[in-house]
PDB file of N, CA and C in Angstrom:
ATOM      1  N   VAL A   1      35.332  63.349 -56.573  1.00  0.00           N
ATOM      2  CA  VAL A   1      33.851  63.281 -56.505  1.00  0.00           C
ATOM      3  C   VAL A   1      33.357  61.972 -57.198  1.00  0.00           C
ATOM      4  N   ILE A   2      33.966  61.680 -58.299  1.00  0.00           N
ATOM      5  CA  ILE A   2      33.492  60.457 -59.021  1.00  0.00           C
ATOM      6  C   ILE A   2      33.676  59.243 -58.121  1.00  0.00           C
ATOM      7  N   GLN A   3      34.791  59.180 -57.395  1.00  0.00           N
ATOM      8  CA  GLN A   3      35.002  58.000 -56.573  1.00  0.00           C
ATOM      9  C   GLN A   3      33.973  57.959 -55.492  1.00  0.00           C
ATOM     10  N   GLU A   4      33.629  59.031 -54.911  1.00  0.00           N
ATOM     11  CA  GLU A   4      32.627  59.023 -53.857  1.00  0.00           C
ATOM     12  C   GLU A   4      31.291  58.480 -54.452  1.00  0.00           C
ATOM     13  N   GLU A   5      30.929  58.881 -55.637  1.00  0.00           N
ATOM     14  CA  GLU A   5      29.676  58.395 -56.237  1.00  0.00           C
ATOM     15  C   GLU A   5      29.755  56.911 -56.394  1.00  0.00           C
ATOM     16  N   LYS A   6      30.888  56.430 -56.827  1.00  0.00           N
ATOM     17  CA  LYS A   6      31.047  55.002 -57.086  1.00  0.00           C
ATOM     18  C   LYS A   6      30.828  54.226 -55.762  1.00  0.00           C
ATOM     19  N   SER A   7      31.445  54.707 -54.743  1.00  0.00           N
ATOM     20  CA  SER A   7      31.224  53.993 -53.447  1.00  0.00           C
ATOM     21  C   SER A   7      29.794  54.004 -53.047  1.00  0.00           C
ATOM     22  N   GLU A   8      29.113  55.115 -53.301  1.00  0.00           N
ATOM     23  CA  GLU A   8      27.671  55.122 -52.968  1.00  0.00           C
ATOM     24  C   GLU A   8      26.928  54.109 -53.715  1.00  0.00           C
ATOM     25  N   VAL A   9      27.240  53.998 -54.980  1.00  0.00           N
ATOM     26  CA  VAL A   9      26.564  53.023 -55.857  1.00  0.00           C
ATOM     27  C   VAL A   9      26.797  51.643 -55.313  1.00  0.00           C
ATOM     28  N   SER A  10      28.057  51.337 -54.970  1.00  0.00           N
ATOM     29  CA  SER A  10      28.415  50.000 -54.486  1.00  0.00           C
ATOM     30  C   SER A  10      27.644  49.698 -53.201  1.00  0.00           C
ATOM     31  N   SER A  11      27.577  50.692 -52.342  1.00  0.00           N
ATOM     32  CA  SER A  11      26.829  50.457 -51.084  1.00  0.00           C
ATOM     33  C   SER A  11      25.370  50.219 -51.404  1.00  0.00           C
ATOM     34  N   HIS A  12      24.835  50.916 -52.352  1.00  0.00           N
ATOM     35  CA  HIS A  12      23.453  50.699 -52.680  1.00  0.00           C
ATOM     36  C   HIS A  12      23.267  49.306 -53.266  1.00  0.00           C
ATOM     37  N   GLU A  13      24.182  48.800 -54.043  1.00  0.00           N
ATOM     38  CA  GLU A  13      24.073  47.426 -54.516  1.00  0.00           C
ATOM     39  C   GLU A  13      24.113  46.444 -53.385  1.00  0.00           C
ATOM     40  N   LYS A  14      24.903  46.743 -52.379  1.00  0.00           N
ATOM     41  CA  LYS A  14      24.980  45.796 -51.253  1.00  0.00           C
ATOM     42  C   LYS A  14      23.609  45.754 -50.566  1.00  0.00           C
ATOM     43  N   VAL A  15      23.001  46.924 -50.400  1.00  0.00           N
ATOM     44  CA  VAL A  15      21.711  46.885 -49.770  1.00  0.00           C
ATOM     45  C   VAL A  15      20.690  46.091 -50.608  1.00  0.00           C
ATOM     46  N   LEU A  16      20.778  46.241 -51.903  1.00  0.00           N
ATOM     47  CA  LEU A  16      19.872  45.482 -52.743  1.00  0.00           C
ATOM     48  C   LEU A  16      20.167  44.005 -52.560  1.00  0.00           C
ATOM     49  N   GLN A  17      21.363  43.609 -52.525  1.00  0.00           N
ATOM     50  CA  GLN A  17      21.661  42.164 -52.341  1.00  0.00           C
ATOM     51  C   GLN A  17      21.196  41.685 -50.969  1.00  0.00           C
ATOM     52  N   GLU A  18      21.243  42.507 -50.012  1.00  0.00           N
ATOM     53  CA  GLU A  18      20.799  42.108 -48.688  1.00  0.00           C
ATOM     54  C   GLU A  18      19.215  41.902 -48.718  1.00  0.00           C
ATOM     55  N   GLN A  19      18.560  42.722 -49.512  1.00  0.00           N
ATOM     56  CA  GLN A  19      17.161  42.599 -49.533  1.00  0.00           C
ATOM     57  C   GLN A  19      16.704  41.369 -50.329  1.00  0.00           C
ATOM     58  N   GLU A  20      17.483  40.898 -51.246  1.00  0.00           N
ATOM     59  CA  GLU A  20      17.086  39.774 -52.115  1.00  0.00           C
ATOM     60  C   GLU A  20      16.687  38.573 -51.321  1.00  0.00           C
ATOM     61  N   PRO A  21      17.499  38.111 -50.412  1.00  0.00           N
ATOM     62  CA  PRO A  21      17.101  36.922 -49.628  1.00  0.00           C
ATOM     63  C   PRO A  21      15.784  37.094 -48.936  1.00  0.00           C
ATOM     64  N   VAL A  22      15.482  38.253 -48.513  1.00  0.00           N
ATOM     65  CA  VAL A  22      14.201  38.511 -47.841  1.00  0.00           C
ATOM     66  C   VAL A  22      13.072  38.206 -48.887  1.00  0.00           C
ATOM     67  N   LEU A  23      13.270  38.674 -50.097  1.00  0.00           N
ATOM     68  CA  LEU A  23      12.278  38.349 -51.167  1.00  0.00           C
ATOM     69  C   LEU A  23      12.139  36.860 -51.363  1.00  0.00           C
ATOM     70  N   PHE A  24      13.268  36.185 -51.379  1.00  0.00           N
ATOM     71  CA  PHE A  24      13.217  34.752 -51.582  1.00  0.00           C
ATOM     72  C   PHE A  24      12.451  34.060 -50.466  1.00  0.00           C
ATOM     73  N   SER A  25      12.723  34.454 -49.279  1.00  0.00           N
ATOM     74  CA  SER A  25      12.050  33.782 -48.130  1.00  0.00           C
ATOM     75  C   SER A  25      10.558  34.079 -48.228  1.00  0.00           C
ATOM     76  N   ARG A  26      10.184  35.262 -48.683  1.00  0.00           N
ATOM     77  CA  ARG A  26       8.795  35.570 -48.846  1.00  0.00           C
ATOM     78  C   ARG A  26       8.161  34.607 -49.830  1.00  0.00           C
ATOM     79  N   GLU A  27       8.817  34.401 -50.940  1.00  0.00           N
ATOM     80  CA  GLU A  27       8.265  33.467 -51.940  1.00  0.00           C
ATOM     81  C   GLU A  27       8.106  32.097 -51.335  1.00  0.00           C
ATOM     82  N   ASP A  28       9.058  31.698 -50.510  1.00  0.00           N
ATOM     83  CA  ASP A  28       8.911  30.371 -49.838  1.00  0.00           C
ATOM     84  C   ASP A  28       7.664  30.351 -48.983  1.00  0.00           C
ATOM     85  N   MET A  29       7.453  31.439 -48.267  1.00  0.00           N
ATOM     86  CA  MET A  29       6.258  31.484 -47.420  1.00  0.00           C
ATOM     87  C   MET A  29       4.987  31.294 -48.288  1.00  0.00           C
ATOM     88  N   PHE A  30       4.954  32.021 -49.392  1.00  0.00           N
ATOM     89  CA  PHE A  30       3.754  31.887 -50.243  1.00  0.00           C
ATOM     90  C   PHE A  30       3.595  30.490 -50.718  1.00  0.00           C
ATOM     91  N   GLN A  31       4.667  29.861 -51.088  1.00  0.00           N
ATOM     92  CA  GLN A  31       4.559  28.411 -51.578  1.00  0.00           C
ATOM     93  C   GLN A  31       4.025  27.612 -50.454  1.00  0.00           C
ATOM     94  N   GLU A  32       4.508  27.774 -49.241  1.00  0.00           N
ATOM     95  CA  GLU A  32       3.988  26.959 -48.141  1.00  0.00           C
ATOM     96  C   GLU A  32       2.549  27.184 -47.977  1.00  0.00           C
ATOM     97  N   GLN A  33       2.114  28.409 -48.017  1.00  0.00           N
ATOM     98  CA  GLN A  33       0.690  28.699 -47.845  1.00  0.00           C
ATOM     99  C   GLN A  33      -0.114  28.005 -48.957  1.00  0.00           C
ATOM    100  N   ASP A  34       0.426  28.021 -50.140  1.00  0.00           N
ATOM    101  CA  ASP A  34      -0.256  27.429 -51.275  1.00  0.00           C
ATOM    102  C   ASP A  34      -0.473  25.921 -51.031  1.00  0.00           C
ATOM    103  N   THR A  35       0.522  25.206 -50.606  1.00  0.00           N
ATOM    104  CA  THR A  35       0.367  23.781 -50.358  1.00  0.00           C
ATOM    105  C   THR A  35      -0.596  23.537 -49.273  1.00  0.00           C
ATOM    106  N   GLU A  36      -0.552  24.396 -48.239  1.00  0.00           N
ATOM    107  CA  GLU A  36      -1.445  24.189 -47.122  1.00  0.00           C
ATOM    108  C   GLU A  36      -2.929  24.384 -47.630  1.00  0.00           C
ATOM    109  N   LEU A  37      -3.116  25.478 -48.368  1.00  0.00           N
ATOM    110  CA  LEU A  37      -4.448  25.764 -48.877  1.00  0.00           C
ATOM    111  C   LEU A  37      -4.963  24.623 -49.794  1.00  0.00           C
ATOM    112  N   SER A  38      -4.143  24.223 -50.686  1.00  0.00           N
ATOM    113  CA  SER A  38      -4.595  23.226 -51.651  1.00  0.00           C
ATOM    114  C   SER A  38      -4.898  21.907 -50.981  1.00  0.00           C
ATOM    115  N   SER A  39      -4.013  21.485 -50.062  1.00  0.00           N
ATOM    116  CA  SER A  39      -4.197  20.174 -49.461  1.00  0.00           C
ATOM    117  C   SER A  39      -5.403  20.189 -48.571  1.00  0.00           C
ATOM    118  N   SER A  40      -5.581  21.235 -47.734  1.00  0.00           N
ATOM    119  CA  SER A  40      -6.733  21.196 -46.833  1.00  0.00           C
ATOM    120  C   SER A  40      -8.015  21.341 -47.644  1.00  0.00           C
ATOM    121  N   HIS A  41      -7.993  22.109 -48.702  1.00  0.00           N
ATOM    122  CA  HIS A  41      -9.211  22.320 -49.493  1.00  0.00           C
ATOM    123  C   HIS A  41      -9.569  20.975 -50.190  1.00  0.00           C
ATOM    124  N   GLU A  42      -8.579  20.297 -50.696  1.00  0.00           N
ATOM    125  CA  GLU A  42      -8.838  19.053 -51.383  1.00  0.00           C
ATOM    126  C   GLU A  42      -9.433  18.019 -50.406  1.00  0.00           C
ATOM    127  N   GLU A  43      -8.850  18.002 -49.188  1.00  0.00           N
ATOM    128  CA  GLU A  43      -9.356  17.117 -48.182  1.00  0.00           C
ATOM    129  C   GLU A  43     -10.808  17.344 -47.885  1.00  0.00           C
ATOM    130  N   VAL A  44     -11.147  18.631 -47.745  1.00  0.00           N
ATOM    131  CA  VAL A  44     -12.506  18.969 -47.493  1.00  0.00           C
ATOM    132  C   VAL A  44     -13.370  18.492 -48.607  1.00  0.00           C
ATOM    133  N   GLU A  45     -13.000  18.732 -49.829  1.00  0.00           N
ATOM    134  CA  GLU A  45     -13.779  18.332 -50.954  1.00  0.00           C
ATOM    135  C   GLU A  45     -14.017  16.822 -50.966  1.00  0.00           C
ATOM    136  N   GLN A  46     -12.944  16.073 -50.639  1.00  0.00           N
ATOM    137  CA  GLN A  46     -13.104  14.645 -50.635  1.00  0.00           C
ATOM    138  C   GLN A  46     -14.093  14.192 -49.514  1.00  0.00           C
ATOM    139  N   LYS A  47     -14.020  14.804 -48.374  1.00  0.00           N
ATOM    140  CA  LYS A  47     -14.934  14.494 -47.294  1.00  0.00           C
ATOM    141  C   LYS A  47     -16.357  14.722 -47.785  1.00  0.00           C
ATOM    142  N   GLN A  48     -16.607  15.856 -48.406  1.00  0.00           N
ATOM    143  CA  GLN A  48     -17.962  16.101 -48.922  1.00  0.00           C
ATOM    144  C   GLN A  48     -18.345  15.063 -49.951  1.00  0.00           C
ATOM    145  N   ASP A  49     -17.433  14.596 -50.741  1.00  0.00           N
ATOM    146  CA  ASP A  49     -17.773  13.575 -51.713  1.00  0.00           C
ATOM    147  C   ASP A  49     -18.218  12.330 -51.028  1.00  0.00           C
ATOM    148  N   THR A  50     -17.492  11.831 -49.991  1.00  0.00           N
ATOM    149  CA  THR A  50     -17.893  10.609 -49.304  1.00  0.00           C
ATOM    150  C   THR A  50     -19.221  10.804 -48.671  1.00  0.00           C
ATOM    151  N   GLU A  51     -19.422  11.963 -48.051  1.00  0.00           N
ATOM    152  CA  GLU A  51     -20.756  12.177 -47.422  1.00  0.00           C
ATOM    153  C   GLU A  51     -21.851  12.079 -48.475  1.00  0.00           C
ATOM    154  N   LEU A  52     -21.654  12.637 -49.618  1.00  0.00           N
ATOM    155  CA  LEU A  52     -22.627  12.563 -50.700  1.00  0.00           C
ATOM    156  C   LEU A  52     -22.871  11.101 -51.093  1.00  0.00           C
ATOM    157  N   SER A  53     -21.853  10.343 -51.266  1.00  0.00           N
ATOM    158  CA  SER A  53     -22.017   8.968 -51.690  1.00  0.00           C
ATOM    159  C   SER A  53     -22.785   8.132 -50.665  1.00  0.00           C
ATOM    160  N   SER A  54     -22.455   8.398 -49.327  1.00  0.00           N
ATOM    161  CA  SER A  54     -23.121   7.703 -48.273  1.00  0.00           C
ATOM    162  C   SER A  54     -24.671   8.123 -48.278  1.00  0.00           C
ATOM    163  N   TYR A  55     -24.886   9.334 -48.653  1.00  0.00           N
ATOM    164  CA  TYR A  55     -26.308   9.777 -48.686  1.00  0.00           C
ATOM    165  C   TYR A  55     -27.047   9.019 -49.804  1.00  0.00           C
ATOM    166  N   GLU A  56     -26.350   8.851 -50.904  1.00  0.00           N
ATOM    167  CA  GLU A  56     -26.957   8.108 -52.033  1.00  0.00           C
ATOM    168  C   GLU A  56     -27.291   6.675 -51.588  1.00  0.00           C
ATOM    169  N   GLU A  57     -26.377   6.062 -50.817  1.00  0.00           N
ATOM    170  CA  GLU A  57     -26.614   4.735 -50.286  1.00  0.00           C
ATOM    171  C   GLU A  57     -27.897   4.679 -49.499  1.00  0.00           C
ATOM    172  N   VAL A  58     -28.082   5.654 -48.665  1.00  0.00           N
ATOM    173  CA  VAL A  58     -29.288   5.735 -47.780  1.00  0.00           C
ATOM    174  C   VAL A  58     -30.507   5.810 -48.666  1.00  0.00           C
ATOM    175  N   GLU A  59     -30.442   6.638 -49.670  1.00  0.00           N
ATOM    176  CA  GLU A  59     -31.633   6.759 -50.603  1.00  0.00           C
ATOM    177  C   GLU A  59     -31.948   5.412 -51.234  1.00  0.00           C
ATOM    178  N   GLN A  60     -30.902   4.681 -51.692  1.00  0.00           N
ATOM    179  CA  GLN A  60     -31.128   3.392 -52.309  1.00  0.00           C
ATOM    180  C   GLN A  60     -31.814   2.447 -51.300  1.00  0.00           C
ATOM    181  N   GLU A  61     -31.357   2.445 -50.076  1.00  0.00           N
ATOM    182  CA  GLU A  61     -31.974   1.614 -49.043  1.00  0.00           C
ATOM    183  C   GLU A  61     -33.465   1.948 -48.924  1.00  0.00           C
ATOM    184  N   HIS A  62     -33.733   3.201 -48.910  1.00  0.00           N
ATOM    185  CA  HIS A  62     -35.194   3.621 -48.782  1.00  0.00           C
ATOM    186  C   HIS A  62     -35.980   3.072 -49.957  1.00  0.00           C
ATOM    187  N   GLU A  63     -35.455   3.144 -51.149  1.00  0.00           N
ATOM    188  CA  GLU A  63     -36.086   2.645 -52.317  1.00  0.00           C
ATOM    189  C   GLU A  63     -36.394   1.130 -52.160  1.00  0.00           C
ATOM    190  N   LEU A  64     -35.389   0.457 -51.668  1.00  0.00           N
ATOM    191  CA  LEU A  64     -35.502  -0.965 -51.492  1.00  0.00           C
ATOM    192  C   LEU A  64     -36.647  -1.315 -50.566  1.00  0.00           C
ATOM    193  N   SER A  65     -36.588  -0.708 -49.411  1.00  0.00           N
ATOM    194  CA  SER A  65     -37.653  -0.982 -48.452  1.00  0.00           C
ATOM    195  C   SER A  65     -39.028  -0.605 -48.950  1.00  0.00           C
ATOM    196  N   PHE A  66     -39.066   0.455 -49.761  1.00  0.00           N
ATOM    197  CA  PHE A  66     -40.339   0.875 -50.326  1.00  0.00           C
ATOM    198  C   PHE A  66     -40.849  -0.198 -51.265  1.00  0.00           C
ATOM    199  N   HIS A  67     -39.979  -0.814 -52.058  1.00  0.00           N
ATOM    200  CA  HIS A  67     -40.411  -1.825 -53.003  1.00  0.00           C
ATOM    201  C   HIS A  67     -40.920  -3.009 -52.218  1.00  0.00           C
ATOM    202  N   GLU A  68     -40.392  -3.329 -51.136  1.00  0.00           N
ATOM    203  CA  GLU A  68     -40.771  -4.568 -50.404  1.00  0.00           C
ATOM    204  C   GLU A  68     -42.201  -4.480 -49.925  1.00  0.00           C
ATOM    205  N   GLU A  69     -42.698  -3.323 -49.667  1.00  0.00           N
ATOM    206  CA  GLU A  69     -44.056  -3.276 -49.055  1.00  0.00           C
ATOM    207  C   GLU A  69     -45.149  -3.680 -50.034  1.00  0.00           C
TER     208      GLU A  69
END
């Protein structure tokens, strides 16, 4: 009986080992999503920044033309 239990335990360990790679690949997927999220989000923020700065330029031009009158 003891030997049978041992073999059951070892087979259980095998199953655990087989599941481990799945866990690892899941972590990889999460990391990939992280980089995608952060890069695209940063790009969007940068675009907004440039839009803001160009808007400031337009305001300055308005002020200049206003002073000329």
